[in-house]
């Protein structure tokens, strides 16, 4: 993972991000931490796919399932 991506993700820790997964699920949650494989741990997370909100609480997302990470607006 490039240092620019690491810096960007570090700046998003404890902020809400949106993640689109390979299976077209959209997850929203607060980024708690991540690793070099872009595995993500989210807290206060929700599955917001198809406007059906499902509380997921604390989850781990495997990096190879992540398609897009939408960062919060500054």
N, C-alpha and C. Protein backbone atom coordinates (compact mmCIF):
# COMPACT_ATOMS: atom_id res chain seq x y z
N UNK A 1 0.85 -1.16 0.00
CA UNK A 1 0.00 0.00 0.00
C UNK A 1 0.90 1.23 0.00
N UNK A 2 0.58 2.19 -0.85
CA UNK A 2 1.43 3.38 -0.96
C UNK A 2 1.31 4.25 0.29
N UNK A 3 2.36 5.04 0.51
CA UNK A 3 2.37 5.89 1.70
C UNK A 3 1.27 6.95 1.65
N UNK A 4 0.87 7.36 0.45
CA UNK A 4 -0.20 8.35 0.31
C UNK A 4 -1.54 7.76 0.77
N UNK A 5 -1.79 6.51 0.42
CA UNK A 5 -3.02 5.85 0.86
C UNK A 5 -3.01 5.68 2.37
N UNK A 6 -1.87 5.29 2.92
CA UNK A 6 -1.75 5.12 4.37
C UNK A 6 -2.02 6.44 5.08
N UNK A 7 -1.42 7.52 4.59
CA UNK A 7 -1.64 8.84 5.21
C UNK A 7 -3.11 9.23 5.16
N UNK A 8 -3.75 8.98 4.03
CA UNK A 8 -5.16 9.32 3.88
C UNK A 8 -6.03 8.51 4.84
N UNK A 9 -5.79 7.20 4.91
CA UNK A 9 -6.58 6.36 5.82
C UNK A 9 -6.32 6.70 7.28
N UNK A 10 -5.08 7.02 7.62
CA UNK A 10 -4.77 7.42 9.00
C UNK A 10 -5.56 8.67 9.37
N UNK A 11 -5.70 9.59 8.42
CA UNK A 11 -6.45 10.82 8.71
C UNK A 11 -7.95 10.55 8.86
N UNK A 12 -8.40 9.37 8.43
CA UNK A 12 -9.83 9.02 8.52
C UNK A 12 -10.16 8.18 9.74
N UNK A 13 -9.17 7.83 10.55
CA UNK A 13 -9.44 7.04 11.75
C UNK A 13 -10.37 7.84 12.66
N UNK A 14 -11.37 7.15 13.18
CA UNK A 14 -12.43 7.72 14.02
C UNK A 14 -13.38 8.64 13.26
N UNK A 15 -13.39 8.53 11.93
CA UNK A 15 -14.34 9.25 11.09
C UNK A 15 -15.19 8.24 10.33
N UNK A 16 -16.37 8.66 9.94
CA UNK A 16 -17.29 7.79 9.20
C UNK A 16 -16.85 7.72 7.74
N UNK A 17 -16.77 6.50 7.21
CA UNK A 17 -16.45 6.28 5.79
C UNK A 17 -17.52 5.37 5.19
N UNK A 18 -17.62 5.42 3.86
CA UNK A 18 -18.50 4.54 3.11
C UNK A 18 -17.64 3.55 2.35
N UNK A 19 -18.07 2.29 2.32
CA UNK A 19 -17.31 1.25 1.64
C UNK A 19 -18.25 0.45 0.76
N UNK A 20 -17.87 0.29 -0.50
CA UNK A 20 -18.62 -0.60 -1.40
C UNK A 20 -17.81 -1.88 -1.54
N UNK A 21 -18.50 -3.01 -1.36
CA UNK A 21 -17.86 -4.31 -1.41
C UNK A 21 -18.10 -5.00 -2.75
N UNK A 22 -17.36 -6.07 -3.01
CA UNK A 22 -17.50 -6.82 -4.26
C UNK A 22 -18.91 -7.33 -4.50
N UNK A 23 -19.63 -7.66 -3.44
CA UNK A 23 -20.98 -8.19 -3.57
C UNK A 23 -22.03 -7.07 -3.65
N UNK A 24 -21.58 -5.84 -3.90
CA UNK A 24 -22.41 -4.64 -4.05
C UNK A 24 -23.04 -4.15 -2.76
N UNK A 25 -22.65 -4.70 -1.62
CA UNK A 25 -23.10 -4.16 -0.34
C UNK A 25 -22.42 -2.81 -0.12
N UNK A 26 -23.13 -1.92 0.56
CA UNK A 26 -22.56 -0.63 0.94
C UNK A 26 -22.59 -0.56 2.45
N UNK A 27 -21.41 -0.39 3.03
CA UNK A 27 -21.25 -0.36 4.48
C UNK A 27 -20.79 1.04 4.89
N UNK A 28 -21.41 1.55 5.93
CA UNK A 28 -21.01 2.84 6.49
C UNK A 28 -20.61 2.62 7.93
N UNK A 29 -19.48 3.18 8.34
CA UNK A 29 -19.07 3.02 9.73
C UNK A 29 -17.88 3.87 10.05
N UNK A 30 -17.54 3.89 11.32
CA UNK A 30 -16.41 4.68 11.80
C UNK A 30 -15.16 3.80 11.73
N UNK A 31 -14.15 4.27 11.00
CA UNK A 31 -12.91 3.51 10.84
C UNK A 31 -12.15 3.50 12.15
N UNK A 32 -11.90 2.29 12.66
CA UNK A 32 -11.15 2.17 13.90
C UNK A 32 -9.67 1.94 13.61
N UNK A 33 -9.37 1.03 12.68
CA UNK A 33 -7.99 0.77 12.30
C UNK A 33 -7.96 -0.01 10.99
N UNK A 34 -6.77 -0.19 10.43
CA UNK A 34 -6.57 -0.94 9.19
C UNK A 34 -5.15 -1.50 9.19
N UNK A 35 -4.87 -2.41 8.25
CA UNK A 35 -3.51 -2.95 8.14
C UNK A 35 -3.00 -2.82 6.71
N UNK A 36 -1.82 -3.40 6.46
CA UNK A 36 -1.16 -3.26 5.15
C UNK A 36 -1.91 -3.96 4.02
N UNK A 37 -2.84 -4.86 4.35
CA UNK A 37 -3.65 -5.55 3.34
C UNK A 37 -4.97 -4.83 3.10
N UNK A 38 -5.15 -3.69 3.72
CA UNK A 38 -6.35 -2.87 3.70
C UNK A 38 -7.54 -3.60 4.34
N UNK A 39 -7.25 -4.52 5.27
CA UNK A 39 -8.31 -5.05 6.12
C UNK A 39 -8.73 -3.91 7.03
N UNK A 40 -10.03 -3.73 7.18
CA UNK A 40 -10.55 -2.59 7.93
C UNK A 40 -11.36 -3.06 9.11
N UNK A 41 -11.23 -2.38 10.23
CA UNK A 41 -12.11 -2.60 11.37
C UNK A 41 -12.95 -1.35 11.52
N UNK A 42 -14.27 -1.56 11.48
CA UNK A 42 -15.22 -0.46 11.62
C UNK A 42 -16.04 -0.66 12.88
N UNK A 43 -16.36 0.44 13.53
CA UNK A 43 -17.27 0.40 14.66
C UNK A 43 -18.49 1.24 14.30
N UNK A 44 -19.57 1.03 15.03
CA UNK A 44 -20.83 1.75 14.77
C UNK A 44 -21.21 1.64 13.30
N UNK A 45 -21.05 0.45 12.73
CA UNK A 45 -21.25 0.27 11.29
C UNK A 45 -22.67 -0.17 10.97
N UNK A 46 -23.05 0.13 9.72
CA UNK A 46 -24.38 -0.22 9.22
C UNK A 46 -24.26 -0.66 7.77
N UNK A 47 -25.08 -1.62 7.39
CA UNK A 47 -25.24 -2.00 5.99
C UNK A 47 -26.36 -1.11 5.45
N UNK A 48 -26.04 -0.23 4.52
CA UNK A 48 -27.04 0.70 3.98
C UNK A 48 -27.40 0.37 2.54
N UNK A 49 -27.17 -0.86 2.13
CA UNK A 49 -27.51 -1.31 0.79
C UNK A 49 -29.01 -1.20 0.57
N UNK A 50 -29.42 -0.69 -0.57
CA UNK A 50 -30.83 -0.58 -0.95
C UNK A 50 -31.68 0.17 0.08
N UNK A 51 -31.09 1.13 0.76
CA UNK A 51 -31.79 1.96 1.75
C UNK A 51 -32.40 1.17 2.90
N UNK A 52 -31.99 -0.08 3.04
CA UNK A 52 -32.42 -0.90 4.18
C UNK A 52 -31.27 -0.89 5.19
N UNK A 53 -31.43 -0.12 6.25
CA UNK A 53 -30.35 0.02 7.23
C UNK A 53 -30.36 -1.17 8.19
N UNK A 54 -29.21 -1.83 8.28
CA UNK A 54 -29.05 -2.96 9.19
C UNK A 54 -27.84 -2.69 10.07
N UNK A 55 -28.04 -2.65 11.37
CA UNK A 55 -26.96 -2.39 12.31
C UNK A 55 -25.99 -3.57 12.34
N UNK A 56 -24.69 -3.29 12.15
CA UNK A 56 -23.67 -4.33 12.17
C UNK A 56 -22.73 -4.20 13.35
N UNK A 57 -22.79 -3.08 14.06
CA UNK A 57 -21.95 -2.78 15.21
C UNK A 57 -20.47 -2.79 14.82
N UNK A 58 -19.65 -3.67 15.39
CA UNK A 58 -18.21 -3.72 15.08
C UNK A 58 -17.95 -4.86 14.10
N UNK A 59 -17.30 -4.53 12.98
CA UNK A 59 -17.04 -5.55 11.96
C UNK A 59 -15.61 -5.44 11.44
N UNK A 60 -15.15 -6.53 10.87
CA UNK A 60 -13.87 -6.58 10.17
C UNK A 60 -14.17 -6.84 8.71
N UNK A 61 -13.64 -5.99 7.83
CA UNK A 61 -13.80 -6.18 6.39
C UNK A 61 -12.47 -6.59 5.80
N UNK A 62 -12.46 -7.70 5.11
CA UNK A 62 -11.24 -8.18 4.47
C UNK A 62 -10.92 -7.29 3.27
N UNK A 63 -9.67 -6.87 3.16
CA UNK A 63 -9.26 -5.91 2.16
C UNK A 63 -9.53 -6.31 0.73
N UNK A 64 -9.46 -7.61 0.41
CA UNK A 64 -9.68 -8.02 -0.98
C UNK A 64 -11.15 -8.01 -1.38
N UNK A 65 -12.05 -7.74 -0.44
CA UNK A 65 -13.47 -7.59 -0.76
C UNK A 65 -13.87 -6.13 -0.98
N UNK A 66 -12.97 -5.20 -0.69
CA UNK A 66 -13.27 -3.77 -0.78
C UNK A 66 -13.04 -3.29 -2.20
N UNK A 67 -14.06 -2.69 -2.80
CA UNK A 67 -13.93 -2.08 -4.13
C UNK A 67 -13.62 -0.59 -4.04
N UNK A 68 -14.41 0.12 -3.23
CA UNK A 68 -14.31 1.57 -3.16
C UNK A 68 -14.42 2.02 -1.69
N UNK A 69 -13.59 2.97 -1.32
CA UNK A 69 -13.71 3.62 -0.03
C UNK A 69 -13.99 5.09 -0.29
N UNK A 70 -15.09 5.56 0.21
CA UNK A 70 -15.44 6.96 0.07
C UNK A 70 -15.10 7.67 1.36
N UNK A 71 -14.20 8.63 1.27
CA UNK A 71 -13.72 9.34 2.44
C UNK A 71 -14.65 10.47 2.80
N UNK A 72 -14.66 10.86 4.07
CA UNK A 72 -15.54 11.95 4.49
C UNK A 72 -15.13 13.27 3.87
N UNK A 73 -16.09 14.17 3.74
CA UNK A 73 -15.80 15.50 3.23
C UNK A 73 -15.13 16.30 4.31
N UNK A 74 -14.14 17.05 3.93
CA UNK A 74 -13.38 17.87 4.90
C UNK A 74 -14.16 19.12 5.25
